[in-house]
Amino acid sequence: MTRTQRHQILPRKVQFDFANTPLHWLRDDPFSTHVINGIHMLLPAGELWFCRVYNQALPMVTDDALREDVQGFIRQEAIHSRAHSKAQSYLEAHGLSVEAYVARIEWLFGTFLGEAPFGMKMLQRDMWKKQWLVFRVGVIAAIEHFTGVLGQWAMDNESWERNGDATMVDLFKWHLAEEVEHRTVAYDLFEHLCRTQLGFYVSRQALMAIVFPLFVYFISEGARSLAKQDPDPETRKIGRKLIPQLLLQLQRVGKQTENVPTFSFLVRATARWVSPRFHPIHEGDTEQALAYLARSPAAMAAAEG
């Protein structure tokens, strides 16, 4: 198990005020704005689910350092969930409804990936309970691969500071810096709970085959659900596009503006996961993330408070 660059993972109790944040917080780029704003609807329920699953997994962790990392991860993810929940109010203040999309996400994590999906009591029996828990830990590891690589993308990104609202930019860069900071935890926990290296490798490939298309689907659906409510008739056309059309636009806009990662960036990140030598430690720069957190206005205010 690789654990280089290890340091204590601490929560930062940040606060954000979006009273003066415009709907299109990326100037002249409603497409990128809606793609990224969809994250506000996707993450709160998902990150609370991460916390529930990891709290259930903690008693199975026999490595003291990993247990400490998992506890730090849980505390950070709980704060991420609260921050994006508040950002849902920002969307509603601009006249956008989030209720229908959020209900689908809550069903995904609360019912489909819950302790007893569709009332399947058999998964609560001892012989299946651990396997179902480890499966869900693996799902989190696959999801966290994307949050980690997107975190490093955000650390390298310069367009947001040029084109974006300072408060919203800080929310996303604070969050994504912490994703870089704890990017190895989910992977290491899944590896720790798997019985064999072969089982770990095969399982993580199978899980990525499920997670990647779902990730693309829900990101696309979030963008569509917001865009079709936009006050601008031209922007509302985004909400009527099919997912392949949205991915082509993501590729084009990402190249032109650098306000969003391109679809090819996501595909390349997924391809790296396939390697038997893959480890998320190589997917980001911890010192770069910590440097942003040291100058983040919200993180600095939290440290002073």
C-alpha atoms as a PDB file:
ATOM      1  CA  MET A   1       0.000   0.000   0.000  1.00  0.00           C
ATOM      2  CA  THR A   2       1.519   3.320  -1.084  1.00  0.00           C
ATOM      3  CA  ARG A   3       1.397   6.093   1.451  1.00  0.00           C
ATOM      4  CA  THR A   4       3.975   8.690   0.477  1.00  0.00           C
ATOM      5  CA  GLN A   5       3.419  12.401   1.117  1.00  0.00           C
ATOM      6  CA  ARG A   6       1.201  11.458   4.064  1.00  0.00           C
ATOM      7  CA  HIS A   7       0.079  14.191   6.455  1.00  0.00           C
ATOM      8  CA  GLN A   8      -2.809  14.719   8.826  1.00  0.00           C
ATOM      9  CA  ILE A   9      -6.114  15.369   7.004  1.00  0.00           C
ATOM     10  CA  LEU A  10      -7.968  18.100   8.847  1.00  0.00           C
ATOM     11  CA  PRO A  11     -11.426  19.645   8.253  1.00  0.00           C
ATOM     12  CA  ARG A  12     -11.706  23.365   7.505  1.00  0.00           C
ATOM     13  CA  LYS A  13     -15.025  24.831   8.643  1.00  0.00           C
ATOM     14  CA  VAL A  14     -15.498  27.241   5.768  1.00  0.00           C
ATOM     15  CA  GLN A  15     -18.417  29.578   5.079  1.00  0.00           C
ATOM     16  CA  PHE A  16     -19.492  31.176   1.790  1.00  0.00           C
ATOM     17  CA  ASP A  17     -21.831  34.087   1.021  1.00  0.00           C
ATOM     18  CA  PHE A  18     -23.331  33.951  -2.480  1.00  0.00           C
ATOM     19  CA  ALA A  19     -25.515  37.052  -2.133  1.00  0.00           C
ATOM     20  CA  ASN A  20     -23.592  38.866  -4.876  1.00  0.00           C
ATOM     21  CA  THR A  21     -22.769  35.835  -7.044  1.00  0.00           C
ATOM     22  CA  PRO A  22     -24.447  35.989 -10.471  1.00  0.00           C
ATOM     23  CA  LEU A  23     -26.167  32.983 -12.012  1.00  0.00           C
ATOM     24  CA  HIS A  24     -23.569  32.841 -14.795  1.00  0.00           C
ATOM     25  CA  TRP A  25     -20.618  33.146 -12.440  1.00  0.00           C
ATOM     26  CA  LEU A  26     -18.209  32.272 -15.275  1.00  0.00           C
ATOM     27  CA  ARG A  27     -18.402  35.418 -17.396  1.00  0.00           C
ATOM     28  CA  ASP A  28     -19.942  34.926 -20.858  1.00  0.00           C
ATOM     29  CA  ASP A  29     -19.939  31.136 -20.428  1.00  0.00           C
ATOM     30  CA  PRO A  30     -23.366  29.826 -19.384  1.00  0.00           C
ATOM     31  CA  PHE A  31     -22.544  26.306 -20.608  1.00  0.00           C
ATOM     32  CA  SER A  32     -19.556  25.849 -18.283  1.00  0.00           C
ATOM     33  CA  THR A  33     -21.452  27.565 -15.476  1.00  0.00           C
ATOM     34  CA  HIS A  34     -24.352  25.116 -15.658  1.00  0.00           C
ATOM     35  CA  VAL A  35     -22.081  22.071 -15.985  1.00  0.00           C
ATOM     36  CA  ILE A  36     -20.212  23.086 -12.838  1.00  0.00           C
ATOM     37  CA  ASN A  37     -23.293  24.313 -10.947  1.00  0.00           C
ATOM     38  CA  GLY A  38     -24.815  20.864 -11.391  1.00  0.00           C
ATOM     39  CA  ILE A  39     -22.231  19.694  -8.860  1.00  0.00           C
ATOM     40  CA  HIS A  40     -24.120  21.616  -6.170  1.00  0.00           C
ATOM     41  CA  MET A  41     -27.073  19.288  -6.685  1.00  0.00           C
ATOM     42  CA  LEU A  42     -25.080  16.072  -7.068  1.00  0.00           C
ATOM     43  CA  LEU A  43     -22.691  16.235  -4.137  1.00  0.00           C
ATOM     44  CA  PRO A  44     -24.588  16.899  -0.885  1.00  0.00           C
ATOM     45  CA  ALA A  45     -26.435  13.570  -0.785  1.00  0.00           C
ATOM     46  CA  GLY A  46     -23.468  11.714  -2.289  1.00  0.00           C
ATOM     47  CA  GLU A  47     -20.939  13.009   0.201  1.00  0.00           C
ATOM     48  CA  LEU A  48     -23.186  12.282   3.181  1.00  0.00           C
ATOM     49  CA  TRP A  49     -23.495   8.748   1.778  1.00  0.00           C
ATOM     50  CA  PHE A  50     -19.684   8.556   1.663  1.00  0.00           C
ATOM     51  CA  CYS A  51     -19.652   9.446   5.361  1.00  0.00           C
ATOM     52  CA  ARG A  52     -22.254   6.813   6.279  1.00  0.00           C
ATOM     53  CA  VAL A  53     -20.450   4.064   4.369  1.00  0.00           C
ATOM     54  CA  TYR A  54     -17.060   4.978   5.831  1.00  0.00           C
ATOM     55  CA  ASN A  55     -18.403   5.124   9.383  1.00  0.00           C
ATOM     56  CA  GLN A  56     -19.660   1.563   8.858  1.00  0.00           C
ATOM     57  CA  ALA A  57     -16.281   0.511   7.447  1.00  0.00           C
ATOM     58  CA  LEU A  58     -14.168   2.021  10.235  1.00  0.00           C
ATOM     59  CA  PRO A  59     -14.431  -1.005  12.582  1.00  0.00           C
ATOM     60  CA  MET A  60     -12.927  -3.167   9.805  1.00  0.00           C
ATOM     61  CA  VAL A  61      -9.801  -1.008   9.432  1.00  0.00           C
ATOM     62  CA  THR A  62      -6.800  -2.617  11.152  1.00  0.00           C
ATOM     63  CA  ASP A  63      -4.196  -0.061  10.065  1.00  0.00           C
ATOM     64  CA  ASP A  64      -3.979   2.862  12.522  1.00  0.00           C
ATOM     65  CA  ALA A  65      -2.657   5.385   9.995  1.00  0.00           C
ATOM     66  CA  LEU A  66      -5.348   4.481   7.474  1.00  0.00           C
ATOM     67  CA  ARG A  67      -8.038   4.731  10.153  1.00  0.00           C
ATOM     68  CA  GLU A  68      -6.862   8.262  10.946  1.00  0.00           C
ATOM     69  CA  ASP A  69      -6.962   9.136   7.242  1.00  0.00           C
ATOM     70  CA  VAL A  70     -10.492   7.758   6.901  1.00  0.00           C
ATOM     71  CA  GLN A  71     -11.660   9.783   9.883  1.00  0.00           C
ATOM     72  CA  GLY A  72     -10.168  12.927   8.370  1.00  0.00           C
ATOM     73  CA  PHE A  73     -11.824  12.108   5.046  1.00  0.00           C
ATOM     74  CA  ILE A  74     -15.223  11.768   6.749  1.00  0.00           C
ATOM     75  CA  ARG A  75     -14.897  15.147   8.462  1.00  0.00           C
ATOM     76  CA  GLN A  76     -13.882  16.891   5.240  1.00  0.00           C
ATOM     77  CA  GLU A  77     -16.662  15.304   3.184  1.00  0.00           C
ATOM     78  CA  ALA A  78     -19.317  16.322   5.731  1.00  0.00           C
ATOM     79  CA  ILE A  79     -18.250  19.964   5.366  1.00  0.00           C
ATOM     80  CA  HIS A  80     -18.206  19.655   1.557  1.00  0.00           C
ATOM     81  CA  SER A  81     -21.804  18.437   1.683  1.00  0.00           C
ATOM     82  CA  ARG A  82     -22.925  21.395   3.809  1.00  0.00           C
ATOM     83  CA  ALA A  83     -21.167  23.933   1.569  1.00  0.00           C
ATOM     84  CA  HIS A  84     -22.827  22.646  -1.599  1.00  0.00           C
ATOM     85  CA  SER A  85     -26.208  22.386   0.138  1.00  0.00           C
ATOM     86  CA  LYS A  86     -25.953  26.114   0.825  1.00  0.00           C
ATOM     87  CA  ALA A  87     -25.092  26.664  -2.832  1.00  0.00           C
ATOM     88  CA  GLN A  88     -28.393  25.000  -3.749  1.00  0.00           C
ATOM     89  CA  SER A  89     -30.070  27.994  -2.086  1.00  0.00           C
ATOM     90  CA  TYR A  90     -28.015  30.249  -4.376  1.00  0.00           C
ATOM     91  CA  LEU A  91     -29.461  28.408  -7.390  1.00  0.00           C
ATOM     92  CA  GLU A  92     -32.987  28.724  -6.019  1.00  0.00           C
ATOM     93  CA  ALA A  93     -32.439  32.440  -5.364  1.00  0.00           C
ATOM     94  CA  HIS A  94     -31.830  32.800  -9.103  1.00  0.00           C
ATOM     95  CA  GLY A  95     -35.154  31.095  -9.850  1.00  0.00           C
ATOM     96  CA  LEU A  96     -33.850  27.605 -10.633  1.00  0.00           C
ATOM     97  CA  SER A  97     -35.551  24.550  -9.148  1.00  0.00           C
ATOM     98  CA  VAL A  98     -33.262  21.798  -7.852  1.00  0.00           C
ATOM     99  CA  GLU A  99     -35.901  19.596  -6.260  1.00  0.00           C
ATOM    100  CA  ALA A 100     -36.485  17.023  -9.019  1.00  0.00           C
ATOM    101  CA  TYR A 101     -32.805  16.397  -9.712  1.00  0.00           C
ATOM    102  CA  VAL A 102     -31.897  16.242  -6.019  1.00  0.00           C
ATOM    103  CA  ALA A 103     -34.694  13.709  -5.448  1.00  0.00           C
ATOM    104  CA  ARG A 104     -33.106  11.425  -8.068  1.00  0.00           C
ATOM    105  CA  ILE A 105     -29.703  11.727  -6.411  1.00  0.00           C
ATOM    106  CA  GLU A 106     -31.170  10.990  -2.988  1.00  0.00           C
ATOM    107  CA  TRP A 107     -32.840   7.889  -4.459  1.00  0.00           C
ATOM    108  CA  LEU A 108     -29.517   6.787  -5.989  1.00  0.00           C
ATOM    109  CA  PHE A 109     -27.588   7.014  -2.731  1.00  0.00           C
ATOM    110  CA  GLY A 110     -30.383   6.397  -0.245  1.00  0.00           C
ATOM    111  CA  THR A 111     -32.251   3.560  -1.955  1.00  0.00           C
ATOM    112  CA  PHE A 112     -30.171   2.038  -4.748  1.00  0.00           C
ATOM    113  CA  LEU A 113     -26.886   2.194  -2.798  1.00  0.00           C
ATOM    114  CA  GLY A 114     -28.368   2.080   0.693  1.00  0.00           C
ATOM    115  CA  GLU A 115     -28.014  -0.615   3.336  1.00  0.00           C
ATOM    116  CA  ALA A 116     -30.949  -2.592   1.924  1.00  0.00           C
ATOM    117  CA  PRO A 117     -31.518  -1.521  -1.712  1.00  0.00           C
ATOM    118  CA  PHE A 118     -35.101  -2.099  -2.866  1.00  0.00           C
ATOM    119  CA  GLY A 119     -35.808  -3.692   0.525  1.00  0.00           C
ATOM    120  CA  MET A 120     -33.312  -6.529  -0.005  1.00  0.00           C
ATOM    121  CA  LYS A 121     -33.048  -7.652   3.611  1.00  0.00           C
ATOM    122  CA  MET A 122     -30.627 -10.417   2.607  1.00  0.00           C
ATOM    123  CA  LEU A 123     -27.877  -7.775   2.262  1.00  0.00           C
ATOM    124  CA  GLN A 124     -28.239  -7.070   5.966  1.00  0.00           C
ATOM    125  CA  ARG A 125     -27.374 -10.653   6.902  1.00  0.00           C
ATOM    126  CA  ASP A 126     -23.853 -11.254   8.156  1.00  0.00           C
ATOM    127  CA  MET A 127     -22.771 -13.358   5.165  1.00  0.00           C
ATOM    128  CA  TRP A 128     -23.639 -10.563   2.682  1.00  0.00           C
ATOM    129  CA  LYS A 129     -23.358  -7.417   4.776  1.00  0.00           C
ATOM    130  CA  LYS A 130     -19.567  -7.116   4.556  1.00  0.00           C
ATOM    131  CA  GLN A 131     -19.492  -7.823   0.810  1.00  0.00           C
ATOM    132  CA  TRP A 132     -22.114  -5.141   0.143  1.00  0.00           C
ATOM    133  CA  LEU A 133     -20.198  -2.685   2.324  1.00  0.00           C
ATOM    134  CA  VAL A 134     -16.898  -3.385   0.528  1.00  0.00           C
ATOM    135  CA  PHE A 135     -18.665  -3.003  -2.821  1.00  0.00           C
ATOM    136  CA  ARG A 136     -19.853   0.470  -1.794  1.00  0.00           C
ATOM    137  CA  VAL A 137     -16.387   1.373  -0.529  1.00  0.00           C
ATOM    138  CA  GLY A 138     -15.152   0.435  -4.010  1.00  0.00           C
ATOM    139  CA  VAL A 139     -17.771   2.650  -5.635  1.00  0.00           C
ATOM    140  CA  ILE A 140     -16.459   5.552  -3.552  1.00  0.00           C
ATOM    141  CA  ALA A 141     -12.892   4.755  -4.612  1.00  0.00           C
ATOM    142  CA  ALA A 142     -13.903   4.968  -8.283  1.00  0.00           C
ATOM    143  CA  ILE A 143     -15.789   8.238  -7.743  1.00  0.00           C
ATOM    144  CA  GLU A 144     -12.891   9.695  -5.775  1.00  0.00           C
ATOM    145  CA  HIS A 145     -10.581   8.997  -8.705  1.00  0.00           C
ATOM    146  CA  PHE A 146     -12.520  11.640 -10.649  1.00  0.00           C
ATOM    147  CA  THR A 147     -12.698  14.108  -7.776  1.00  0.00           C
ATOM    148  CA  GLY A 148      -8.933  13.742  -7.365  1.00  0.00           C
ATOM    149  CA  VAL A 149      -8.016  14.288 -11.015  1.00  0.00           C
ATOM    150  CA  LEU A 150     -10.536  17.118 -11.307  1.00  0.00           C
ATOM    151  CA  GLY A 151      -9.008  18.584  -8.174  1.00  0.00           C
ATOM    152  CA  GLN A 152      -5.593  18.670  -9.796  1.00  0.00           C
ATOM    153  CA  TRP A 153      -7.144  20.138 -12.942  1.00  0.00           C
ATOM    154  CA  ALA A 154      -8.581  22.928 -10.789  1.00  0.00           C
ATOM    155  CA  MET A 155      -5.236  23.520  -9.073  1.00  0.00           C
ATOM    156  CA  ASP A 156      -3.641  23.999 -12.506  1.00  0.00           C
ATOM    157  CA  ASN A 157      -6.546  26.072 -13.825  1.00  0.00           C
ATOM    158  CA  GLU A 158      -6.051  29.826 -14.329  1.00  0.00           C
ATOM    159  CA  SER A 159      -9.217  30.701 -16.255  1.00  0.00           C
ATOM    160  CA  TRP A 160     -11.528  30.703 -13.235  1.00  0.00           C
ATOM    161  CA  GLU A 161      -9.659  33.554 -11.562  1.00  0.00           C
ATOM    162  CA  ARG A 162      -9.788  35.545 -14.807  1.00  0.00           C
ATOM    163  CA  ASN A 163     -13.418  34.818 -15.663  1.00  0.00           C
ATOM    164  CA  GLY A 164     -15.193  33.797 -12.463  1.00  0.00           C
ATOM    165  CA  ASP A 165     -16.935  35.151  -9.399  1.00  0.00           C
ATOM    166  CA  ALA A 166     -14.397  35.114  -6.578  1.00  0.00           C
ATOM    167  CA  THR A 167     -16.657  33.479  -3.975  1.00  0.00           C
ATOM    168  CA  MET A 168     -17.790  30.615  -6.200  1.00  0.00           C
ATOM    169  CA  VAL A 169     -14.275  30.075  -7.494  1.00  0.00           C
ATOM    170  CA  ASP A 170     -13.023  29.800  -3.923  1.00  0.00           C
ATOM    171  CA  LEU A 171     -15.723  27.286  -3.002  1.00  0.00           C
ATOM    172  CA  PHE A 172     -14.768  24.979  -5.847  1.00  0.00           C
ATOM    173  CA  LYS A 173     -11.020  25.427  -5.508  1.00  0.00           C
ATOM    174  CA  TRP A 174     -11.139  24.916  -1.701  1.00  0.00           C
ATOM    175  CA  HIS A 175     -13.211  21.767  -2.185  1.00  0.00           C
ATOM    176  CA  LEU A 176     -11.077  20.413  -5.008  1.00  0.00           C
ATOM    177  CA  ALA A 177      -7.843  21.191  -3.172  1.00  0.00           C
ATOM    178  CA  GLU A 178      -9.101  18.993  -0.331  1.00  0.00           C
ATOM    179  CA  GLU A 179      -9.932  16.297  -2.874  1.00  0.00           C
ATOM    180  CA  VAL A 180      -6.288  16.375  -3.964  1.00  0.00           C
ATOM    181  CA  GLU A 181      -5.228  16.357  -0.322  1.00  0.00           C
ATOM    182  CA  HIS A 182      -7.166  13.165   0.511  1.00  0.00           C
ATOM    183  CA  ARG A 183      -7.056  11.553  -2.957  1.00  0.00           C
ATOM    184  CA  THR A 184      -5.397   8.304  -1.777  1.00  0.00           C
ATOM    185  CA  VAL A 185      -7.755   7.514   1.105  1.00  0.00           C
ATOM    186  CA  ALA A 186     -10.653   5.882  -0.750  1.00  0.00           C
ATOM    187  CA  TYR A 187      -8.344   3.783  -2.922  1.00  0.00           C
ATOM    188  CA  ASP A 188      -6.235   2.662   0.046  1.00  0.00           C
ATOM    189  CA  LEU A 189      -9.332   1.766   2.080  1.00  0.00           C
ATOM    190  CA  PHE A 190     -10.779  -0.331  -0.729  1.00  0.00           C
ATOM    191  CA  GLU A 191      -7.448  -2.115  -1.183  1.00  0.00           C
ATOM    192  CA  HIS A 192      -7.223  -2.687   2.587  1.00  0.00           C
ATOM    193  CA  LEU A 193     -10.651  -4.353   2.670  1.00  0.00           C
ATOM    194  CA  CYS A 194     -10.158  -6.568  -0.388  1.00  0.00           C
ATOM    195  CA  ARG A 195      -8.911 -10.086   0.345  1.00  0.00           C
ATOM    196  CA  THR A 196      -6.453 -10.445  -2.540  1.00  0.00           C
ATOM    197  CA  GLN A 197      -4.625  -8.159  -4.954  1.00  0.00           C
ATOM    198  CA  LEU A 198      -6.211  -9.969  -7.899  1.00  0.00           C
ATOM    199  CA  GLY A 199      -9.666  -9.493  -6.419  1.00  0.00           C
ATOM    200  CA  PHE A 200      -8.863  -5.832  -5.778  1.00  0.00           C
ATOM    201  CA  TYR A 201      -7.696  -5.249  -9.360  1.00  0.00           C
ATOM    202  CA  VAL A 202     -10.643  -7.034 -10.998  1.00  0.00           C
ATOM    203  CA  SER A 203     -13.155  -5.379  -8.664  1.00  0.00           C
ATOM    204  CA  ARG A 204     -11.900  -1.863  -9.243  1.00  0.00           C
ATOM    205  CA  GLN A 205     -12.040  -2.322 -13.027  1.00  0.00           C
ATOM    206  CA  ALA A 206     -15.600  -3.661 -12.848  1.00  0.00           C
ATOM    207  CA  LEU A 207     -16.644  -0.797 -10.595  1.00  0.00           C
ATOM    208  CA  MET A 208     -15.138   1.816 -12.892  1.00  0.00           C
ATOM    209  CA  ALA A 209     -17.089   0.303 -15.793  1.00  0.00           C
ATOM    210  CA  ILE A 210     -20.221   1.161 -13.785  1.00  0.00           C
ATOM    211  CA  VAL A 211     -19.145   4.466 -12.239  1.00  0.00           C
ATOM    212  CA  PHE A 212     -17.750   6.239 -15.318  1.00  0.00           C
ATOM    213  CA  PRO A 213     -20.969   6.132 -17.415  1.00  0.00           C
ATOM    214  CA  LEU A 214     -23.042   7.039 -14.345  1.00  0.00           C
ATOM    215  CA  PHE A 215     -20.702   9.957 -13.600  1.00  0.00           C
ATOM    216  CA  VAL A 216     -21.051  11.227 -17.184  1.00  0.00           C
ATOM    217  CA  TYR A 217     -24.821  10.749 -17.084  1.00  0.00           C
ATOM    218  CA  PHE A 218     -25.426  12.649 -13.857  1.00  0.00           C
ATOM    219  CA  ILE A 219     -23.069  15.489 -14.766  1.00  0.00           C
ATOM    220  CA  SER A 220     -24.900  15.839 -18.078  1.00  0.00           C
ATOM    221  CA  GLU A 221     -28.313  15.661 -16.436  1.00  0.00           C
ATOM    222  CA  GLY A 222     -27.356  18.311 -13.880  1.00  0.00           C
ATOM    223  CA  ALA A 223     -26.266  20.690 -16.633  1.00  0.00           C
ATOM    224  CA  ARG A 224     -29.425  20.028 -18.648  1.00  0.00           C
ATOM    225  CA  SER A 225     -31.770  20.468 -15.704  1.00  0.00           C
ATOM    226  CA  LEU A 226     -30.305  23.896 -14.913  1.00  0.00           C
ATOM    227  CA  ALA A 227     -29.821  25.101 -18.483  1.00  0.00           C
ATOM    228  CA  LYS A 228     -33.432  24.479 -19.479  1.00  0.00           C
ATOM    229  CA  GLN A 229     -34.517  26.821 -16.668  1.00  0.00           C
ATOM    230  CA  ASP A 230     -32.130  29.600 -17.688  1.00  0.00           C
ATOM    231  CA  PRO A 231     -33.733  33.021 -18.371  1.00  0.00           C
ATOM    232  CA  ASP A 232     -31.890  33.217 -21.703  1.00  0.00           C
ATOM    233  CA  PRO A 233     -33.727  31.403 -24.550  1.00  0.00           C
ATOM    234  CA  GLU A 234     -30.463  30.570 -26.309  1.00  0.00           C
ATOM    235  CA  THR A 235     -29.007  28.966 -23.188  1.00  0.00           C
ATOM    236  CA  ARG A 236     -32.184  26.933 -22.667  1.00  0.00           C
ATOM    237  CA  LYS A 237     -31.345  25.045 -25.862  1.00  0.00           C
ATOM    238  CA  ILE A 238     -28.552  23.306 -23.913  1.00  0.00           C
ATOM    239  CA  GLY A 239     -31.234  21.626 -21.844  1.00  0.00           C
ATOM    240  CA  ARG A 240     -32.674  19.951 -24.948  1.00  0.00           C
ATOM    241  CA  LYS A 241     -29.407  18.425 -26.146  1.00  0.00           C
ATOM    242  CA  LEU A 242     -28.698  14.702 -26.003  1.00  0.00           C
ATOM    243  CA  ILE A 243     -25.796  13.500 -23.881  1.00  0.00           C
ATOM    244  CA  PRO A 244     -23.460  12.874 -26.881  1.00  0.00           C
ATOM    245  CA  GLN A 245     -24.137  16.444 -28.030  1.00  0.00           C
ATOM    246  CA  LEU A 246     -23.343  17.772 -24.561  1.00  0.00           C
ATOM    247  CA  LEU A 247     -20.084  15.821 -24.470  1.00  0.00           C
ATOM    248  CA  LEU A 248     -19.066  17.252 -27.834  1.00  0.00           C
ATOM    249  CA  GLN A 249     -19.851  20.730 -26.520  1.00  0.00           C
ATOM    250  CA  LEU A 250     -17.879  19.978 -23.357  1.00  0.00           C
ATOM    251  CA  GLN A 251     -14.895  19.053 -25.502  1.00  0.00           C
ATOM    252  CA  ARG A 252     -15.212  22.181 -27.641  1.00  0.00           C
ATOM    253  CA  VAL A 253     -15.867  24.649 -24.817  1.00  0.00           C
ATOM    254  CA  GLY A 254     -13.171  23.112 -22.631  1.00  0.00           C
ATOM    255  CA  LYS A 255     -10.600  23.641 -25.377  1.00  0.00           C
ATOM    256  CA  GLN A 256     -11.763  27.174 -26.174  1.00  0.00           C
ATOM    257  CA  THR A 257     -12.209  28.585 -22.664  1.00  0.00           C
ATOM    258  CA  GLU A 258     -10.407  26.207 -20.274  1.00  0.00           C
ATOM    259  CA  ASN A 259     -13.337  26.842 -17.904  1.00  0.00           C
ATOM    260  CA  VAL A 260     -14.226  23.124 -17.832  1.00  0.00           C
ATOM    261  CA  PRO A 261     -12.177  19.963 -18.364  1.00  0.00           C
ATOM    262  CA  THR A 262     -12.649  18.376 -21.769  1.00  0.00           C
ATOM    263  CA  PHE A 263     -14.327  15.021 -22.231  1.00  0.00           C
ATOM    264  CA  SER A 264     -11.049  13.622 -23.551  1.00  0.00           C
ATOM    265  CA  PHE A 265      -9.440  14.652 -20.256  1.00  0.00           C
ATOM    266  CA  LEU A 266     -11.958  12.464 -18.396  1.00  0.00           C
ATOM    267  CA  VAL A 267     -11.411   9.560 -20.788  1.00  0.00           C
ATOM    268  CA  ARG A 268      -7.625   9.718 -20.333  1.00  0.00           C
ATOM    269  CA  ALA A 269      -8.054   9.794 -16.553  1.00  0.00           C
ATOM    270  CA  THR A 270     -10.251   6.699 -16.743  1.00  0.00           C
ATOM    271  CA  ALA A 271      -7.708   4.901 -18.925  1.00  0.00           C
ATOM    272  CA  ARG A 272      -4.958   5.445 -16.338  1.00  0.00           C
ATOM    273  CA  TRP A 273      -7.086   3.617 -13.742  1.00  0.00           C
ATOM    274  CA  VAL A 274      -6.785   0.418 -15.808  1.00  0.00           C
ATOM    275  CA  SER A 275      -3.049   0.004 -15.163  1.00  0.00           C
ATOM    276  CA  PRO A 276      -2.076  -2.556 -12.495  1.00  0.00           C
ATOM    277  CA  ARG A 277       0.511   0.002 -11.350  1.00  0.00           C
ATOM    278  CA  PHE A 278      -2.064   2.746 -10.848  1.00  0.00           C
ATOM    279  CA  HIS A 279      -2.158   4.610  -7.546  1.00  0.00           C
ATOM    280  CA  PRO A 280      -3.836   7.986  -6.960  1.00  0.00           C
ATOM    281  CA  ILE A 281      -0.736   9.382  -5.271  1.00  0.00           C
ATOM    282  CA  HIS A 282       0.525  10.019  -8.816  1.00  0.00           C
ATOM    283  CA  GLU A 283      -2.632  11.888  -9.844  1.00  0.00           C
ATOM    284  CA  GLY A 284      -2.046  15.116  -7.967  1.00  0.00           C
ATOM    285  CA  ASP A 285       0.332  17.433  -6.156  1.00  0.00           C
ATOM    286  CA  THR A 286      -0.385  17.593  -2.438  1.00  0.00           C
ATOM    287  CA  GLU A 287       1.903  20.575  -1.846  1.00  0.00           C
ATOM    288  CA  GLN A 288       0.176  22.538  -4.587  1.00  0.00           C
ATOM    289  CA  ALA A 289      -3.219  21.801  -3.020  1.00  0.00           C
ATOM    290  CA  LEU A 290      -2.012  22.789   0.440  1.00  0.00           C
ATOM    291  CA  ALA A 291      -0.571  26.000  -1.002  1.00  0.00           C
ATOM    292  CA  TYR A 292      -4.010  26.929  -2.342  1.00  0.00           C
ATOM    293  CA  LEU A 293      -5.647  26.073   0.984  1.00  0.00           C
ATOM    294  CA  ALA A 294      -3.145  28.360   2.712  1.00  0.00           C
ATOM    295  CA  ARG A 295      -4.342  31.313   0.603  1.00  0.00           C
ATOM    296  CA  SER A 296      -8.030  30.399   0.145  1.00  0.00           C
ATOM    297  CA  PRO A 297     -10.087  33.272   1.632  1.00  0.00           C
ATOM    298  CA  ALA A 298     -12.663  30.878   3.101  1.00  0.00           C
ATOM    299  CA  ALA A 299     -10.046  28.488   4.529  1.00  0.00           C
ATOM    300  CA  MET A 300      -8.060  31.400   6.015  1.00  0.00           C
ATOM    301  CA  ALA A 301     -11.215  32.801   7.641  1.00  0.00           C
ATOM    302  CA  ALA A 302     -12.034  29.358   9.053  1.00  0.00           C
ATOM    303  CA  ALA A 303      -8.525  29.065  10.531  1.00  0.00           C
ATOM    304  CA  GLU A 304      -8.829  32.493  12.166  1.00  0.00           C
ATOM    305  CA  GLY A 305     -12.303  31.767  13.499  1.00  0.00           C
END
